[in-house]
Amino acid sequence: MISRIRSKWTEASLILITPPPAIPEVWLEGMKSWAKGGPEPVLDRSVETIKSYADECRSLGECLAGSGVYVVDAWDAVESVAGGLTRDDLEQYYM
């Protein structure tokens, strides 16, 4: 994606945003309420999967540092404020 954007807008600054930690079961319930009348959503993510995506996003940002690519680390911000990654830690931020 970055290459494609840069091929058209060479001077554009880009912001990569990591996903925040989530409670997969709460995410699924939200998807069910948004998808009324559509296909039944499935639980296709876990905390580990989401964290690996956040890690890759940070890593890409480090590789491209100095080239106008910046990272907003929503994962670390939410984990920091919540005090952890358990359902009890995160629930107040997603309910």
N, C-alpha and C. Protein backbone atom coordinates (compact mmCIF):
# COMPACT_ATOMS: atom_id res chain seq x y z
N MET A 1 0.82 -1.19 0.00
CA MET A 1 0.00 0.00 0.00
C MET A 1 0.86 1.26 0.00
N ILE A 2 1.89 1.22 0.81
CA ILE A 2 2.76 2.40 0.91
C ILE A 2 3.40 2.69 -0.45
N SER A 3 3.89 1.67 -1.12
CA SER A 3 4.50 1.85 -2.44
C SER A 3 3.51 2.43 -3.43
N ARG A 4 2.30 1.94 -3.38
CA ARG A 4 1.27 2.43 -4.31
C ARG A 4 0.96 3.91 -4.07
N ILE A 5 0.82 4.27 -2.81
CA ILE A 5 0.56 5.68 -2.49
C ILE A 5 1.74 6.53 -2.92
N ARG A 6 2.94 6.08 -2.58
CA ARG A 6 4.13 6.86 -2.91
C ARG A 6 4.36 6.96 -4.41
N SER A 7 3.88 6.01 -5.19
CA SER A 7 4.05 6.08 -6.64
C SER A 7 3.26 7.25 -7.23
N LYS A 8 2.19 7.64 -6.57
CA LYS A 8 1.38 8.76 -7.06
C LYS A 8 1.66 10.07 -6.33
N TRP A 9 1.94 9.96 -5.04
CA TRP A 9 2.17 11.15 -4.22
C TRP A 9 3.51 10.98 -3.51
N THR A 10 4.57 11.29 -4.19
CA THR A 10 5.92 11.01 -3.71
C THR A 10 6.28 11.75 -2.43
N GLU A 11 5.68 12.88 -2.20
CA GLU A 11 6.03 13.68 -1.02
C GLU A 11 5.05 13.50 0.13
N ALA A 12 4.09 12.62 -0.02
CA ALA A 12 3.06 12.44 1.01
C ALA A 12 3.66 11.86 2.29
N SER A 13 3.24 12.40 3.41
CA SER A 13 3.55 11.78 4.70
C SER A 13 2.45 10.77 4.98
N LEU A 14 2.83 9.66 5.57
CA LEU A 14 1.86 8.61 5.84
C LEU A 14 1.86 8.26 7.33
N ILE A 15 0.70 7.90 7.82
CA ILE A 15 0.56 7.51 9.22
C ILE A 15 0.07 6.07 9.26
N LEU A 16 0.83 5.22 9.92
CA LEU A 16 0.41 3.84 10.17
C LEU A 16 -0.17 3.81 11.58
N ILE A 17 -1.32 3.20 11.73
CA ILE A 17 -1.97 3.13 13.04
C ILE A 17 -2.10 1.66 13.44
N THR A 18 -1.47 1.29 14.54
CA THR A 18 -1.60 -0.08 15.01
C THR A 18 -3.03 -0.31 15.50
N PRO A 19 -3.50 -1.54 15.42
CA PRO A 19 -4.81 -1.80 16.00
C PRO A 19 -4.69 -1.75 17.52
N PRO A 20 -5.74 -1.32 18.20
CA PRO A 20 -5.71 -1.38 19.66
C PRO A 20 -5.99 -2.81 20.11
N PRO A 21 -5.63 -3.17 21.34
CA PRO A 21 -6.03 -4.48 21.83
C PRO A 21 -7.55 -4.56 21.86
N ALA A 22 -8.07 -5.74 21.69
CA ALA A 22 -9.52 -5.89 21.67
C ALA A 22 -9.92 -7.13 22.46
N ILE A 23 -11.17 -7.20 22.79
CA ILE A 23 -11.75 -8.37 23.41
C ILE A 23 -12.48 -9.09 22.28
N PRO A 24 -11.93 -10.18 21.77
CA PRO A 24 -12.50 -10.81 20.58
C PRO A 24 -14.01 -11.10 20.67
N GLU A 25 -14.48 -11.57 21.81
CA GLU A 25 -15.90 -11.88 21.95
C GLU A 25 -16.76 -10.61 21.85
N VAL A 26 -16.27 -9.51 22.40
CA VAL A 26 -17.00 -8.24 22.33
C VAL A 26 -16.98 -7.73 20.89
N TRP A 27 -15.85 -7.89 20.22
CA TRP A 27 -15.75 -7.51 18.81
C TRP A 27 -16.79 -8.27 17.99
N LEU A 28 -16.90 -9.59 18.22
CA LEU A 28 -17.84 -10.42 17.47
C LEU A 28 -19.28 -9.96 17.71
N GLU A 29 -19.63 -9.67 18.94
CA GLU A 29 -20.98 -9.18 19.24
C GLU A 29 -21.26 -7.86 18.52
N GLY A 30 -20.27 -6.98 18.50
CA GLY A 30 -20.43 -5.72 17.78
C GLY A 30 -20.63 -5.95 16.29
N MET A 31 -19.86 -6.87 15.72
CA MET A 31 -20.00 -7.18 14.30
C MET A 31 -21.39 -7.75 14.00
N LYS A 32 -21.91 -8.57 14.90
CA LYS A 32 -23.24 -9.14 14.70
C LYS A 32 -24.30 -8.04 14.67
N SER A 33 -24.16 -7.05 15.53
CA SER A 33 -25.15 -5.97 15.56
C SER A 33 -25.04 -5.08 14.33
N TRP A 34 -23.83 -4.92 13.77
CA TRP A 34 -23.64 -4.09 12.58
C TRP A 34 -24.03 -4.83 11.30
N ALA A 35 -23.98 -6.15 11.33
CA ALA A 35 -24.18 -6.94 10.12
C ALA A 35 -25.60 -7.46 9.97
N LYS A 36 -26.54 -6.86 10.63
CA LYS A 36 -27.92 -7.34 10.56
C LYS A 36 -28.36 -7.41 9.10
N GLY A 37 -28.89 -8.56 8.74
CA GLY A 37 -29.35 -8.76 7.37
C GLY A 37 -28.26 -9.25 6.43
N GLY A 38 -27.02 -9.27 6.91
CA GLY A 38 -25.91 -9.73 6.08
C GLY A 38 -25.44 -11.10 6.53
N PRO A 39 -24.31 -11.53 6.01
CA PRO A 39 -23.78 -12.83 6.43
C PRO A 39 -23.43 -12.83 7.92
N GLU A 40 -23.54 -13.98 8.53
CA GLU A 40 -23.21 -14.13 9.95
C GLU A 40 -21.71 -13.94 10.16
N PRO A 41 -21.30 -12.95 10.98
CA PRO A 41 -19.87 -12.76 11.25
C PRO A 41 -19.29 -13.95 12.02
N VAL A 42 -18.02 -14.20 11.82
CA VAL A 42 -17.33 -15.26 12.54
C VAL A 42 -16.18 -14.65 13.33
N LEU A 43 -15.81 -15.31 14.41
CA LEU A 43 -14.68 -14.84 15.22
C LEU A 43 -13.40 -15.26 14.50
N ASP A 44 -12.78 -14.32 13.83
CA ASP A 44 -11.60 -14.61 13.02
C ASP A 44 -10.34 -13.92 13.54
N ARG A 45 -10.37 -13.54 14.81
CA ARG A 45 -9.20 -12.87 15.40
C ARG A 45 -9.04 -13.26 16.86
N SER A 46 -7.84 -13.09 17.33
CA SER A 46 -7.52 -13.35 18.73
C SER A 46 -6.61 -12.21 19.19
N VAL A 47 -6.42 -12.12 20.48
CA VAL A 47 -5.52 -11.08 21.01
C VAL A 47 -4.13 -11.26 20.41
N GLU A 48 -3.68 -12.52 20.27
CA GLU A 48 -2.34 -12.78 19.72
C GLU A 48 -2.23 -12.33 18.26
N THR A 49 -3.28 -12.59 17.48
CA THR A 49 -3.27 -12.17 16.07
C THR A 49 -3.23 -10.65 15.95
N ILE A 50 -4.05 -10.00 16.75
CA ILE A 50 -4.10 -8.53 16.71
C ILE A 50 -2.76 -7.96 17.14
N LYS A 51 -2.15 -8.53 18.17
CA LYS A 51 -0.85 -8.06 18.65
C LYS A 51 0.22 -8.25 17.57
N SER A 52 0.19 -9.37 16.86
CA SER A 52 1.20 -9.59 15.82
C SER A 52 1.06 -8.56 14.70
N TYR A 53 -0.17 -8.18 14.37
CA TYR A 53 -0.38 -7.13 13.38
C TYR A 53 0.18 -5.80 13.89
N ALA A 54 -0.07 -5.49 15.16
CA ALA A 54 0.47 -4.25 15.75
C ALA A 54 2.00 -4.27 15.73
N ASP A 55 2.60 -5.41 16.05
CA ASP A 55 4.07 -5.54 16.03
C ASP A 55 4.62 -5.30 14.63
N GLU A 56 3.97 -5.88 13.62
CA GLU A 56 4.42 -5.70 12.23
C GLU A 56 4.27 -4.25 11.78
N CYS A 57 3.21 -3.61 12.20
CA CYS A 57 2.99 -2.21 11.86
C CYS A 57 4.11 -1.34 12.45
N ARG A 58 4.45 -1.59 13.72
CA ARG A 58 5.56 -0.87 14.35
C ARG A 58 6.87 -1.13 13.62
N SER A 59 7.12 -2.38 13.28
CA SER A 59 8.35 -2.77 12.59
C SER A 59 8.47 -2.07 11.23
N LEU A 60 7.39 -2.04 10.50
CA LEU A 60 7.39 -1.35 9.21
C LEU A 60 7.68 0.14 9.40
N GLY A 61 7.07 0.72 10.43
CA GLY A 61 7.32 2.13 10.72
C GLY A 61 8.78 2.38 11.04
N GLU A 62 9.42 1.46 11.78
CA GLU A 62 10.85 1.61 12.09
C GLU A 62 11.70 1.52 10.82
N CYS A 63 11.35 0.58 9.94
CA CYS A 63 12.10 0.43 8.68
C CYS A 63 11.99 1.68 7.81
N LEU A 64 10.86 2.35 7.89
CA LEU A 64 10.62 3.51 7.03
C LEU A 64 10.82 4.84 7.76
N ALA A 65 11.36 4.77 8.97
CA ALA A 65 11.59 6.00 9.75
C ALA A 65 12.47 6.95 8.95
N GLY A 66 12.13 8.20 9.01
CA GLY A 66 12.91 9.21 8.30
C GLY A 66 12.44 9.43 6.87
N SER A 67 11.44 8.67 6.44
CA SER A 67 10.96 8.82 5.06
C SER A 67 9.55 9.37 5.00
N GLY A 68 9.13 10.00 6.07
CA GLY A 68 7.79 10.58 6.09
C GLY A 68 6.70 9.59 6.46
N VAL A 69 7.08 8.48 7.08
CA VAL A 69 6.11 7.48 7.55
C VAL A 69 6.17 7.49 9.08
N TYR A 70 5.02 7.67 9.69
CA TYR A 70 4.93 7.78 11.14
C TYR A 70 3.99 6.70 11.68
N VAL A 71 4.18 6.33 12.93
CA VAL A 71 3.34 5.30 13.55
C VAL A 71 2.61 5.89 14.76
N VAL A 72 1.31 5.68 14.80
CA VAL A 72 0.51 5.96 15.98
C VAL A 72 0.25 4.60 16.62
N ASP A 73 0.76 4.41 17.82
CA ASP A 73 0.69 3.11 18.46
C ASP A 73 -0.52 3.01 19.38
N ALA A 74 -1.66 2.68 18.79
CA ALA A 74 -2.90 2.56 19.56
C ALA A 74 -2.83 1.37 20.52
N TRP A 75 -2.11 0.31 20.12
CA TRP A 75 -1.99 -0.86 20.99
C TRP A 75 -1.36 -0.46 22.32
N ASP A 76 -0.17 0.15 22.27
CA ASP A 76 0.53 0.53 23.50
C ASP A 76 -0.25 1.57 24.30
N ALA A 77 -0.90 2.50 23.61
CA ALA A 77 -1.65 3.54 24.31
C ALA A 77 -2.80 2.94 25.12
N VAL A 78 -3.56 2.05 24.51
CA VAL A 78 -4.69 1.44 25.22
C VAL A 78 -4.20 0.51 26.32
N GLU A 79 -3.19 -0.31 26.01
CA GLU A 79 -2.67 -1.22 27.04
C GLU A 79 -2.14 -0.44 28.24
N SER A 80 -1.49 0.67 27.97
CA SER A 80 -0.92 1.51 29.02
C SER A 80 -2.01 2.09 29.92
N VAL A 81 -3.05 2.63 29.31
CA VAL A 81 -4.14 3.23 30.08
C VAL A 81 -4.95 2.16 30.81
N ALA A 82 -5.17 1.01 30.13
CA ALA A 82 -5.98 -0.06 30.73
C ALA A 82 -5.23 -0.80 31.83
N GLY A 83 -3.90 -0.77 31.76
CA GLY A 83 -3.11 -1.46 32.76
C GLY A 83 -2.90 -2.94 32.48
N GLY A 84 -3.28 -3.38 31.30
CA GLY A 84 -3.09 -4.78 30.93
C GLY A 84 -3.95 -5.17 29.76
N LEU A 85 -3.98 -6.48 29.48
CA LEU A 85 -4.70 -6.96 28.30
C LEU A 85 -5.82 -7.94 28.62
N THR A 86 -6.14 -8.10 29.89
CA THR A 86 -7.22 -9.02 30.22
C THR A 86 -8.56 -8.37 29.92
N ARG A 87 -9.58 -9.19 29.86
CA ARG A 87 -10.93 -8.65 29.64
C ARG A 87 -11.28 -7.62 30.70
N ASP A 88 -10.93 -7.91 31.97
CA ASP A 88 -11.21 -6.96 33.05
C ASP A 88 -10.49 -5.63 32.82
N ASP A 89 -9.25 -5.70 32.32
CA ASP A 89 -8.49 -4.47 32.06
C ASP A 89 -9.13 -3.65 30.95
N LEU A 90 -9.55 -4.31 29.88
CA LEU A 90 -9.99 -3.63 28.66
C LEU A 90 -11.47 -3.30 28.63
N GLU A 91 -12.27 -4.03 29.37
CA GLU A 91 -13.72 -3.95 29.23
C GLU A 91 -14.26 -2.53 29.35
N GLN A 92 -13.76 -1.76 30.28
CA GLN A 92 -14.30 -0.40 30.47
C GLN A 92 -14.06 0.49 29.26
N TYR A 93 -13.10 0.14 28.41
CA TYR A 93 -12.81 0.95 27.24
C TYR A 93 -13.58 0.50 25.99
N TYR A 94 -14.27 -0.62 26.08
CA TYR A 94 -14.99 -1.16 24.94
C TYR A 94 -16.47 -1.38 25.19
N MET A 95 -16.93 -1.00 26.33
CA MET A 95 -18.35 -1.22 26.64
C MET A 95 -19.10 0.10 26.63
